[in-house]
Amino acid sequence: MNSTNGNAGFDARTIDDIVAGVADKPGALMLVLHAVVERVGYIPVEAVPAIARGLNLSRAEVHGVISFYHDFRTERPGRKIIRVCRAESCQAMGAVALATHIKTRLGIDFGQTSANGDFTLEPVYCLGNCACSPAILVGDDLYGRVTPDRFDELLFLVSRAGGSA
C-alpha cells in the first residue's frame, strides 16, 4: 500500500475506470479495492455503491470485504503511516514501551490519525526485521533497533523533511 497517495481525492469516474478495467477478471473485487487504495489512498465510503454496481455485488458484500482486511480503510490516512511491530521478538526487545512512547508523542492510539493529518499509527505483526528488534515502518522506510529517543529523531526528520528520514 502506498501511504503517500492519500491526496488524490475521490472521483466517481476514477472508480468506474478501475472497475471497468478488471470487472471480468477472477477476484475482481480485491483487484478493484487494491487499485482504489493505490490511486486514492483509501476507499471512500462514497465509492462502495459504484464498486458494488460495477461488479454486480451488494453493498454489504463490498463492505464486508473492506472491513475484513486491515489494509483497506474508509478514511483518509495520515500523510505518513507509522507501523509498529507487535510480534514476539520486537516485544521482547522493547516494542511495548516504544509503542507507548509513540502513542504519547503523537497523541493518538493505534488506528488513529493525528489531528494535523500528518501521521496514522498502526500495529503490524511482523516486519521481518526480527534481528533488529524493535522495528517500525515509517511510510515505506523500515527502521530497526528503534528506541524512544531514536523514534523522536526520526519523527523530527520526517516532520521537517516532509518525507523519509
N, C-alpha and C. Protein backbone atom coordinates (compact mmCIF):
# COMPACT_ATOMS: atom_id res chain seq x y z
N MET A 1 0.85 -1.16 0.00
CA MET A 1 0.00 0.00 0.00
C MET A 1 0.89 1.22 0.00
N ASN A 2 0.59 2.14 -0.84
CA ASN A 2 1.36 3.37 -0.91
C ASN A 2 0.72 4.40 -0.01
N SER A 3 1.43 4.77 1.03
CA SER A 3 0.85 5.66 2.02
C SER A 3 0.92 7.13 1.63
N THR A 4 1.43 7.43 0.47
CA THR A 4 1.56 8.82 0.07
C THR A 4 0.54 9.24 -0.96
N ASN A 5 -0.33 8.35 -1.39
CA ASN A 5 -1.31 8.70 -2.41
C ASN A 5 -2.61 9.24 -1.87
N GLY A 6 -2.69 9.50 -0.58
CA GLY A 6 -3.93 9.92 0.04
C GLY A 6 -4.43 11.28 -0.39
N ASN A 7 -3.70 11.99 -1.23
CA ASN A 7 -4.12 13.32 -1.65
C ASN A 7 -4.87 13.30 -2.98
N ALA A 8 -5.00 12.15 -3.61
CA ALA A 8 -5.61 12.09 -4.93
C ALA A 8 -7.08 12.47 -4.89
N GLY A 9 -7.79 12.13 -3.82
CA GLY A 9 -9.20 12.50 -3.70
C GLY A 9 -10.11 11.51 -4.41
N PHE A 10 -11.40 11.60 -4.10
CA PHE A 10 -12.38 10.69 -4.66
C PHE A 10 -13.00 11.31 -5.90
N ASP A 11 -13.08 10.51 -6.94
CA ASP A 11 -13.73 10.91 -8.18
C ASP A 11 -14.46 9.67 -8.68
N ALA A 12 -15.77 9.78 -8.86
CA ALA A 12 -16.57 8.63 -9.29
C ALA A 12 -16.07 8.06 -10.60
N ARG A 13 -15.58 8.89 -11.50
CA ARG A 13 -15.06 8.39 -12.79
C ARG A 13 -13.83 7.51 -12.58
N THR A 14 -13.01 7.86 -11.59
CA THR A 14 -11.84 7.04 -11.28
C THR A 14 -12.27 5.64 -10.87
N ILE A 15 -13.29 5.57 -10.02
CA ILE A 15 -13.79 4.26 -9.57
C ILE A 15 -14.36 3.49 -10.75
N ASP A 16 -15.16 4.16 -11.58
CA ASP A 16 -15.74 3.50 -12.76
C ASP A 16 -14.65 2.97 -13.69
N ASP A 17 -13.60 3.74 -13.90
CA ASP A 17 -12.49 3.31 -14.76
C ASP A 17 -11.78 2.09 -14.18
N ILE A 18 -11.55 2.10 -12.87
CA ILE A 18 -10.89 0.97 -12.22
C ILE A 18 -11.74 -0.28 -12.37
N VAL A 19 -13.04 -0.15 -12.06
CA VAL A 19 -13.95 -1.31 -12.15
C VAL A 19 -14.00 -1.84 -13.57
N ALA A 20 -14.14 -0.95 -14.54
CA ALA A 20 -14.24 -1.38 -15.94
C ALA A 20 -12.99 -2.14 -16.39
N GLY A 21 -11.84 -1.77 -15.85
CA GLY A 21 -10.60 -2.41 -16.26
C GLY A 21 -10.39 -3.82 -15.76
N VAL A 22 -11.12 -4.22 -14.71
CA VAL A 22 -10.89 -5.55 -14.13
C VAL A 22 -12.16 -6.33 -13.85
N ALA A 23 -13.32 -5.80 -14.20
CA ALA A 23 -14.60 -6.43 -13.84
C ALA A 23 -14.73 -7.87 -14.31
N ASP A 24 -14.10 -8.22 -15.41
CA ASP A 24 -14.24 -9.57 -15.95
C ASP A 24 -13.16 -10.53 -15.46
N LYS A 25 -12.29 -10.09 -14.59
CA LYS A 25 -11.19 -10.94 -14.11
C LYS A 25 -11.59 -11.65 -12.82
N PRO A 26 -11.03 -12.85 -12.59
CA PRO A 26 -11.28 -13.53 -11.31
C PRO A 26 -10.76 -12.69 -10.15
N GLY A 27 -11.51 -12.66 -9.07
CA GLY A 27 -11.10 -11.88 -7.91
C GLY A 27 -11.18 -10.39 -8.14
N ALA A 28 -12.11 -9.98 -9.00
CA ALA A 28 -12.20 -8.58 -9.41
C ALA A 28 -12.37 -7.63 -8.23
N LEU A 29 -13.13 -8.02 -7.22
CA LEU A 29 -13.35 -7.12 -6.09
C LEU A 29 -12.03 -6.77 -5.41
N MET A 30 -11.21 -7.75 -5.14
CA MET A 30 -9.92 -7.48 -4.50
C MET A 30 -9.05 -6.60 -5.40
N LEU A 31 -9.05 -6.88 -6.69
CA LEU A 31 -8.27 -6.07 -7.63
C LEU A 31 -8.75 -4.62 -7.61
N VAL A 32 -10.06 -4.43 -7.59
CA VAL A 32 -10.62 -3.08 -7.57
C VAL A 32 -10.24 -2.38 -6.27
N LEU A 33 -10.41 -3.05 -5.15
CA LEU A 33 -10.12 -2.41 -3.86
C LEU A 33 -8.64 -2.02 -3.75
N HIS A 34 -7.76 -2.90 -4.17
CA HIS A 34 -6.33 -2.57 -4.14
C HIS A 34 -6.02 -1.40 -5.08
N ALA A 35 -6.64 -1.38 -6.24
CA ALA A 35 -6.40 -0.29 -7.19
C ALA A 35 -6.92 1.04 -6.65
N VAL A 36 -8.06 1.01 -5.98
CA VAL A 36 -8.60 2.25 -5.39
C VAL A 36 -7.65 2.76 -4.31
N VAL A 37 -7.17 1.86 -3.45
CA VAL A 37 -6.24 2.27 -2.41
C VAL A 37 -4.96 2.84 -3.04
N GLU A 38 -4.47 2.21 -4.08
CA GLU A 38 -3.26 2.70 -4.75
C GLU A 38 -3.48 4.07 -5.36
N ARG A 39 -4.62 4.28 -5.95
CA ARG A 39 -4.89 5.54 -6.66
C ARG A 39 -5.36 6.65 -5.73
N VAL A 40 -6.24 6.33 -4.77
CA VAL A 40 -6.87 7.36 -3.92
C VAL A 40 -6.22 7.42 -2.54
N GLY A 41 -5.67 6.30 -2.07
CA GLY A 41 -5.05 6.27 -0.74
C GLY A 41 -5.92 5.60 0.30
N TYR A 42 -7.18 5.42 0.01
CA TYR A 42 -8.14 4.76 0.89
C TYR A 42 -9.38 4.46 0.05
N ILE A 43 -10.39 3.82 0.64
CA ILE A 43 -11.61 3.51 -0.09
C ILE A 43 -12.73 4.38 0.47
N PRO A 44 -13.04 5.46 -0.21
CA PRO A 44 -14.11 6.34 0.29
C PRO A 44 -15.44 5.59 0.36
N VAL A 45 -16.20 5.82 1.43
CA VAL A 45 -17.49 5.13 1.55
C VAL A 45 -18.39 5.46 0.36
N GLU A 46 -18.20 6.64 -0.23
CA GLU A 46 -18.99 7.02 -1.40
C GLU A 46 -18.70 6.14 -2.62
N ALA A 47 -17.57 5.43 -2.60
CA ALA A 47 -17.19 4.57 -3.71
C ALA A 47 -17.85 3.21 -3.65
N VAL A 48 -18.31 2.80 -2.48
CA VAL A 48 -18.86 1.46 -2.30
C VAL A 48 -20.04 1.18 -3.24
N PRO A 49 -21.03 2.07 -3.36
CA PRO A 49 -22.13 1.78 -4.29
C PRO A 49 -21.67 1.61 -5.74
N ALA A 50 -20.73 2.43 -6.18
CA ALA A 50 -20.23 2.32 -7.56
C ALA A 50 -19.48 1.01 -7.77
N ILE A 51 -18.70 0.61 -6.78
CA ILE A 51 -17.98 -0.67 -6.88
C ILE A 51 -18.98 -1.82 -6.93
N ALA A 52 -19.95 -1.79 -6.02
CA ALA A 52 -20.96 -2.86 -5.98
C ALA A 52 -21.73 -2.94 -7.29
N ARG A 53 -22.15 -1.80 -7.79
CA ARG A 53 -22.91 -1.77 -9.04
C ARG A 53 -22.07 -2.29 -10.21
N GLY A 54 -20.82 -1.84 -10.28
CA GLY A 54 -19.95 -2.24 -11.39
C GLY A 54 -19.59 -3.71 -11.39
N LEU A 55 -19.59 -4.34 -10.22
CA LEU A 55 -19.24 -5.76 -10.12
C LEU A 55 -20.46 -6.65 -9.89
N ASN A 56 -21.65 -6.05 -9.91
CA ASN A 56 -22.89 -6.78 -9.70
C ASN A 56 -22.88 -7.49 -8.33
N LEU A 57 -22.47 -6.74 -7.31
CA LEU A 57 -22.45 -7.24 -5.94
C LEU A 57 -23.34 -6.34 -5.08
N SER A 58 -23.66 -6.81 -3.89
CA SER A 58 -24.40 -5.95 -2.97
C SER A 58 -23.40 -5.03 -2.26
N ARG A 59 -23.91 -3.93 -1.75
CA ARG A 59 -23.05 -3.03 -0.96
C ARG A 59 -22.51 -3.76 0.26
N ALA A 60 -23.33 -4.63 0.83
CA ALA A 60 -22.91 -5.39 2.01
C ALA A 60 -21.73 -6.30 1.69
N GLU A 61 -21.73 -6.91 0.51
CA GLU A 61 -20.60 -7.77 0.13
C GLU A 61 -19.32 -6.96 0.02
N VAL A 62 -19.40 -5.79 -0.60
CA VAL A 62 -18.23 -4.94 -0.75
C VAL A 62 -17.76 -4.45 0.62
N HIS A 63 -18.69 -3.98 1.41
CA HIS A 63 -18.34 -3.50 2.75
C HIS A 63 -17.73 -4.62 3.60
N GLY A 64 -18.26 -5.83 3.48
CA GLY A 64 -17.74 -6.97 4.24
C GLY A 64 -16.27 -7.24 3.93
N VAL A 65 -15.90 -7.14 2.67
CA VAL A 65 -14.50 -7.37 2.29
C VAL A 65 -13.63 -6.22 2.80
N ILE A 66 -14.11 -5.00 2.64
CA ILE A 66 -13.35 -3.83 3.11
C ILE A 66 -13.10 -3.93 4.61
N SER A 67 -14.11 -4.27 5.36
CA SER A 67 -13.97 -4.30 6.82
C SER A 67 -13.19 -5.52 7.31
N PHE A 68 -13.11 -6.57 6.51
CA PHE A 68 -12.39 -7.78 6.92
C PHE A 68 -10.88 -7.59 6.85
N TYR A 69 -10.39 -6.96 5.80
CA TYR A 69 -8.94 -6.84 5.58
C TYR A 69 -8.41 -5.54 6.17
N HIS A 70 -7.36 -5.65 6.99
CA HIS A 70 -6.83 -4.47 7.68
C HIS A 70 -6.14 -3.48 6.75
N ASP A 71 -5.75 -3.87 5.55
CA ASP A 71 -5.11 -2.93 4.63
C ASP A 71 -6.10 -2.01 3.92
N PHE A 72 -7.39 -2.29 4.06
CA PHE A 72 -8.39 -1.42 3.46
C PHE A 72 -8.94 -0.50 4.54
N ARG A 73 -9.04 0.76 4.23
CA ARG A 73 -9.58 1.74 5.16
C ARG A 73 -10.58 2.63 4.42
N THR A 74 -11.54 3.16 5.16
CA THR A 74 -12.57 4.02 4.55
C THR A 74 -12.38 5.48 4.94
N GLU A 75 -11.31 5.78 5.62
CA GLU A 75 -10.99 7.17 5.96
C GLU A 75 -9.59 7.49 5.47
N ARG A 76 -9.41 8.72 5.08
CA ARG A 76 -8.10 9.15 4.59
C ARG A 76 -7.05 8.96 5.69
N PRO A 77 -5.95 8.28 5.36
CA PRO A 77 -4.88 8.10 6.35
C PRO A 77 -4.03 9.37 6.44
N GLY A 78 -3.18 9.40 7.44
CA GLY A 78 -2.22 10.50 7.56
C GLY A 78 -1.26 10.48 6.38
N ARG A 79 -0.54 11.57 6.23
CA ARG A 79 0.43 11.66 5.12
C ARG A 79 1.50 10.59 5.23
N LYS A 80 1.81 10.18 6.45
CA LYS A 80 2.73 9.07 6.69
C LYS A 80 2.06 8.08 7.62
N ILE A 81 2.19 6.81 7.30
CA ILE A 81 1.69 5.75 8.17
C ILE A 81 2.88 5.18 8.92
N ILE A 82 2.74 5.15 10.25
CA ILE A 82 3.78 4.58 11.10
C ILE A 82 3.26 3.25 11.60
N ARG A 83 3.98 2.18 11.27
CA ARG A 83 3.60 0.85 11.71
C ARG A 83 4.63 0.37 12.74
N VAL A 84 4.13 -0.10 13.86
CA VAL A 84 4.98 -0.59 14.95
C VAL A 84 4.82 -2.09 15.04
N CYS A 85 5.93 -2.81 14.95
CA CYS A 85 5.89 -4.27 15.03
C CYS A 85 5.46 -4.70 16.44
N ARG A 86 4.51 -5.62 16.48
CA ARG A 86 3.99 -6.13 17.76
C ARG A 86 4.29 -7.62 17.93
N ALA A 87 5.16 -8.17 17.07
CA ALA A 87 5.50 -9.59 17.16
C ALA A 87 6.38 -9.86 18.38
N GLU A 88 6.53 -11.12 18.70
CA GLU A 88 7.20 -11.53 19.92
C GLU A 88 8.62 -11.01 20.04
N SER A 89 9.40 -11.12 18.98
CA SER A 89 10.79 -10.66 19.03
C SER A 89 10.86 -9.18 19.37
N CYS A 90 10.05 -8.38 18.71
CA CYS A 90 10.06 -6.94 18.98
C CYS A 90 9.56 -6.64 20.39
N GLN A 91 8.54 -7.37 20.83
CA GLN A 91 8.04 -7.17 22.19
C GLN A 91 9.13 -7.47 23.21
N ALA A 92 9.88 -8.54 22.97
CA ALA A 92 10.95 -8.92 23.89
C ALA A 92 12.07 -7.89 23.94
N MET A 93 12.17 -7.09 22.88
CA MET A 93 13.25 -6.12 22.80
C MET A 93 12.79 -4.68 23.04
N GLY A 94 11.56 -4.51 23.56
CA GLY A 94 11.15 -3.18 23.97
C GLY A 94 10.05 -2.51 23.16
N ALA A 95 9.39 -3.25 22.28
CA ALA A 95 8.36 -2.64 21.43
C ALA A 95 7.14 -2.15 22.21
N VAL A 96 6.83 -2.77 23.34
CA VAL A 96 5.67 -2.33 24.12
C VAL A 96 5.92 -0.92 24.65
N ALA A 97 7.09 -0.72 25.25
CA ALA A 97 7.44 0.62 25.75
C ALA A 97 7.57 1.61 24.59
N LEU A 98 8.13 1.16 23.48
CA LEU A 98 8.25 2.02 22.30
C LEU A 98 6.88 2.45 21.80
N ALA A 99 5.95 1.50 21.71
CA ALA A 99 4.59 1.82 21.26
C ALA A 99 3.93 2.83 22.20
N THR A 100 4.10 2.65 23.48
CA THR A 100 3.55 3.59 24.46
C THR A 100 4.13 4.98 24.23
N HIS A 101 5.43 5.05 24.01
CA HIS A 101 6.10 6.33 23.75
C HIS A 101 5.55 6.98 22.48
N ILE A 102 5.42 6.18 21.42
CA ILE A 102 4.95 6.72 20.14
C ILE A 102 3.52 7.25 20.28
N LYS A 103 2.66 6.49 20.96
CA LYS A 103 1.28 6.93 21.17
C LYS A 103 1.24 8.26 21.92
N THR A 104 2.05 8.36 22.95
CA THR A 104 2.10 9.59 23.75
C THR A 104 2.65 10.75 22.91
N ARG A 105 3.71 10.48 22.19
CA ARG A 105 4.37 11.52 21.38
C ARG A 105 3.44 12.06 20.30
N LEU A 106 2.69 11.16 19.65
CA LEU A 106 1.78 11.57 18.58
C LEU A 106 0.41 12.00 19.10
N GLY A 107 0.09 11.60 20.33
CA GLY A 107 -1.22 11.92 20.89
C GLY A 107 -2.36 11.13 20.28
N ILE A 108 -2.03 9.94 19.80
CA ILE A 108 -3.04 9.06 19.18
C ILE A 108 -2.80 7.62 19.60
N ASP A 109 -3.80 6.79 19.34
CA ASP A 109 -3.69 5.36 19.62
C ASP A 109 -3.59 4.63 18.28
N PHE A 110 -3.38 3.33 18.34
CA PHE A 110 -3.38 2.53 17.12
C PHE A 110 -4.70 2.72 16.39
N GLY A 111 -4.63 2.85 15.08
CA GLY A 111 -5.82 3.00 14.27
C GLY A 111 -6.30 4.44 14.14
N GLN A 112 -5.56 5.37 14.72
CA GLN A 112 -5.97 6.77 14.67
C GLN A 112 -4.98 7.59 13.84
N THR A 113 -5.46 8.77 13.45
CA THR A 113 -4.65 9.72 12.68
C THR A 113 -4.50 10.99 13.51
N SER A 114 -3.32 11.56 13.50
CA SER A 114 -3.06 12.79 14.26
C SER A 114 -3.97 13.91 13.77
N ALA A 115 -4.28 14.83 14.66
CA ALA A 115 -5.21 15.92 14.36
C ALA A 115 -4.75 16.75 13.16
N ASN A 116 -3.44 16.88 12.97
CA ASN A 116 -2.95 17.66 11.84
C ASN A 116 -2.89 16.86 10.54
N GLY A 117 -3.27 15.57 10.60
CA GLY A 117 -3.30 14.73 9.41
C GLY A 117 -1.94 14.23 8.96
N ASP A 118 -0.91 14.45 9.77
CA ASP A 118 0.43 14.03 9.37
C ASP A 118 0.66 12.53 9.50
N PHE A 119 0.17 11.91 10.60
CA PHE A 119 0.53 10.53 10.89
C PHE A 119 -0.68 9.67 11.25
N THR A 120 -0.65 8.45 10.75
CA THR A 120 -1.58 7.41 11.17
C THR A 120 -0.73 6.33 11.83
N LEU A 121 -1.17 5.82 12.96
CA LEU A 121 -0.43 4.82 13.72
C LEU A 121 -1.13 3.47 13.60
N GLU A 122 -0.37 2.45 13.21
CA GLU A 122 -0.94 1.12 13.05
C GLU A 122 -0.04 0.06 13.67
N PRO A 123 -0.65 -0.97 14.26
CA PRO A 123 0.15 -2.12 14.70
C PRO A 123 0.37 -3.04 13.50
N VAL A 124 1.46 -3.74 13.50
CA VAL A 124 1.72 -4.74 12.47
C VAL A 124 2.34 -5.93 13.21
N TYR A 125 2.11 -7.12 12.72
CA TYR A 125 2.51 -8.29 13.50
C TYR A 125 3.74 -9.00 12.97
N CYS A 126 4.46 -8.41 12.10
CA CYS A 126 5.84 -8.79 11.80
C CYS A 126 6.29 -7.97 10.61
N LEU A 127 7.43 -7.36 10.74
CA LEU A 127 8.03 -6.60 9.65
C LEU A 127 9.20 -7.37 9.03
N GLY A 128 9.45 -8.57 9.54
CA GLY A 128 10.53 -9.38 9.01
C GLY A 128 11.91 -8.83 9.34
N ASN A 129 12.00 -8.08 10.40
CA ASN A 129 13.26 -7.46 10.80
C ASN A 129 13.63 -7.88 12.22
N CYS A 130 13.34 -9.13 12.55
CA CYS A 130 13.47 -9.63 13.92
C CYS A 130 14.87 -9.49 14.48
N ALA A 131 15.88 -9.60 13.65
CA ALA A 131 17.26 -9.49 14.13
C ALA A 131 17.58 -8.08 14.60
N CYS A 132 16.75 -7.13 14.21
CA CYS A 132 16.99 -5.72 14.58
C CYS A 132 15.79 -5.17 15.35
N SER A 133 15.25 -5.97 16.24
CA SER A 133 14.08 -5.56 17.03
C SER A 133 14.45 -4.48 18.03
N PRO A 134 13.51 -3.61 18.38
CA PRO A 134 12.18 -3.45 17.81
C PRO A 134 12.22 -2.65 16.50
N ALA A 135 11.27 -2.97 15.63
CA ALA A 135 11.25 -2.39 14.29
C ALA A 135 9.98 -1.58 14.08
N ILE A 136 10.12 -0.54 13.25
CA ILE A 136 8.97 0.25 12.82
C ILE A 136 9.10 0.50 11.32
N LEU A 137 7.98 0.81 10.72
CA LEU A 137 7.94 1.20 9.32
C LEU A 137 7.33 2.58 9.27
N VAL A 138 8.03 3.53 8.69
CA VAL A 138 7.53 4.89 8.52
C VAL A 138 7.37 5.09 7.03
N GLY A 139 6.10 5.13 6.57
CA GLY A 139 5.87 5.13 5.13
C GLY A 139 6.38 3.82 4.58
N ASP A 140 7.32 3.89 3.66
CA ASP A 140 7.92 2.68 3.08
C ASP A 140 9.30 2.39 3.64
N ASP A 141 9.73 3.14 4.65
CA ASP A 141 11.08 3.01 5.19
C ASP A 141 11.08 2.21 6.49
N LEU A 142 11.89 1.14 6.51
CA LEU A 142 12.00 0.24 7.65
C LEU A 142 13.16 0.67 8.55
N TYR A 143 12.90 0.70 9.85
CA TYR A 143 13.92 1.06 10.84
C TYR A 143 13.98 -0.02 11.91
N GLY A 144 15.19 -0.40 12.30
CA GLY A 144 15.39 -1.39 13.33
C GLY A 144 16.10 -0.81 14.53
N ARG A 145 16.02 -1.57 15.64
CA ARG A 145 16.63 -1.17 16.91
C ARG A 145 16.18 0.23 17.31
N VAL A 146 14.88 0.46 17.18
CA VAL A 146 14.34 1.79 17.45
C VAL A 146 14.07 1.94 18.95
N THR A 147 14.65 2.95 19.51
CA THR A 147 14.41 3.32 20.91
C THR A 147 13.46 4.52 20.91
N PRO A 148 12.92 4.88 22.05
CA PRO A 148 12.11 6.10 22.08
C PRO A 148 12.88 7.33 21.59
N ASP A 149 14.15 7.46 21.98
CA ASP A 149 14.94 8.61 21.51
C ASP A 149 15.15 8.57 20.01
N ARG A 150 15.41 7.37 19.46
CA ARG A 150 15.59 7.25 18.00
C ARG A 150 14.28 7.56 17.29
N PHE A 151 13.15 7.15 17.86
CA PHE A 151 11.87 7.49 17.25
C PHE A 151 11.69 9.00 17.19
N ASP A 152 12.03 9.69 18.28
CA ASP A 152 11.90 11.15 18.29
C ASP A 152 12.77 11.79 17.21
N GLU A 153 13.97 11.26 16.99
CA GLU A 153 14.85 11.75 15.92
C GLU A 153 14.20 11.53 14.56
N LEU A 154 13.68 10.32 14.35
CA LEU A 154 13.03 10.00 13.07
C LEU A 154 11.82 10.90 12.85
N LEU A 155 11.03 11.09 13.88
CA LEU A 155 9.84 11.92 13.78
C LEU A 155 10.23 13.35 13.41
N PHE A 156 11.27 13.86 14.03
CA PHE A 156 11.74 15.21 13.73
C PHE A 156 12.18 15.30 12.26
N LEU A 157 12.95 14.33 11.82
CA LEU A 157 13.43 14.34 10.43
C LEU A 157 12.29 14.23 9.43
N VAL A 158 11.36 13.33 9.69
CA VAL A 158 10.22 13.14 8.79
C VAL A 158 9.35 14.39 8.77
N SER A 159 9.10 14.96 9.94
CA SER A 159 8.26 16.16 10.03
C SER A 159 8.92 17.34 9.31
N ARG A 160 10.21 17.48 9.48
CA ARG A 160 10.94 18.59 8.88
C ARG A 160 11.07 18.44 7.38
N ALA A 161 11.37 17.23 6.93
CA ALA A 161 11.63 17.00 5.51
C ALA A 161 10.35 16.74 4.74
N GLY A 162 9.28 16.37 5.46
CA GLY A 162 8.06 16.00 4.76
C GLY A 162 8.19 14.69 4.02
N GLY A 163 9.25 13.95 4.28
CA GLY A 163 9.48 12.69 3.58
C GLY A 163 10.11 11.68 4.51
N SER A 164 10.97 10.85 3.94
CA SER A 164 11.61 9.82 4.76
C SER A 164 12.77 10.38 5.53
N ALA A 165 13.10 9.71 6.61
CA ALA A 165 14.19 10.17 7.48
C ALA A 165 15.53 9.71 6.98
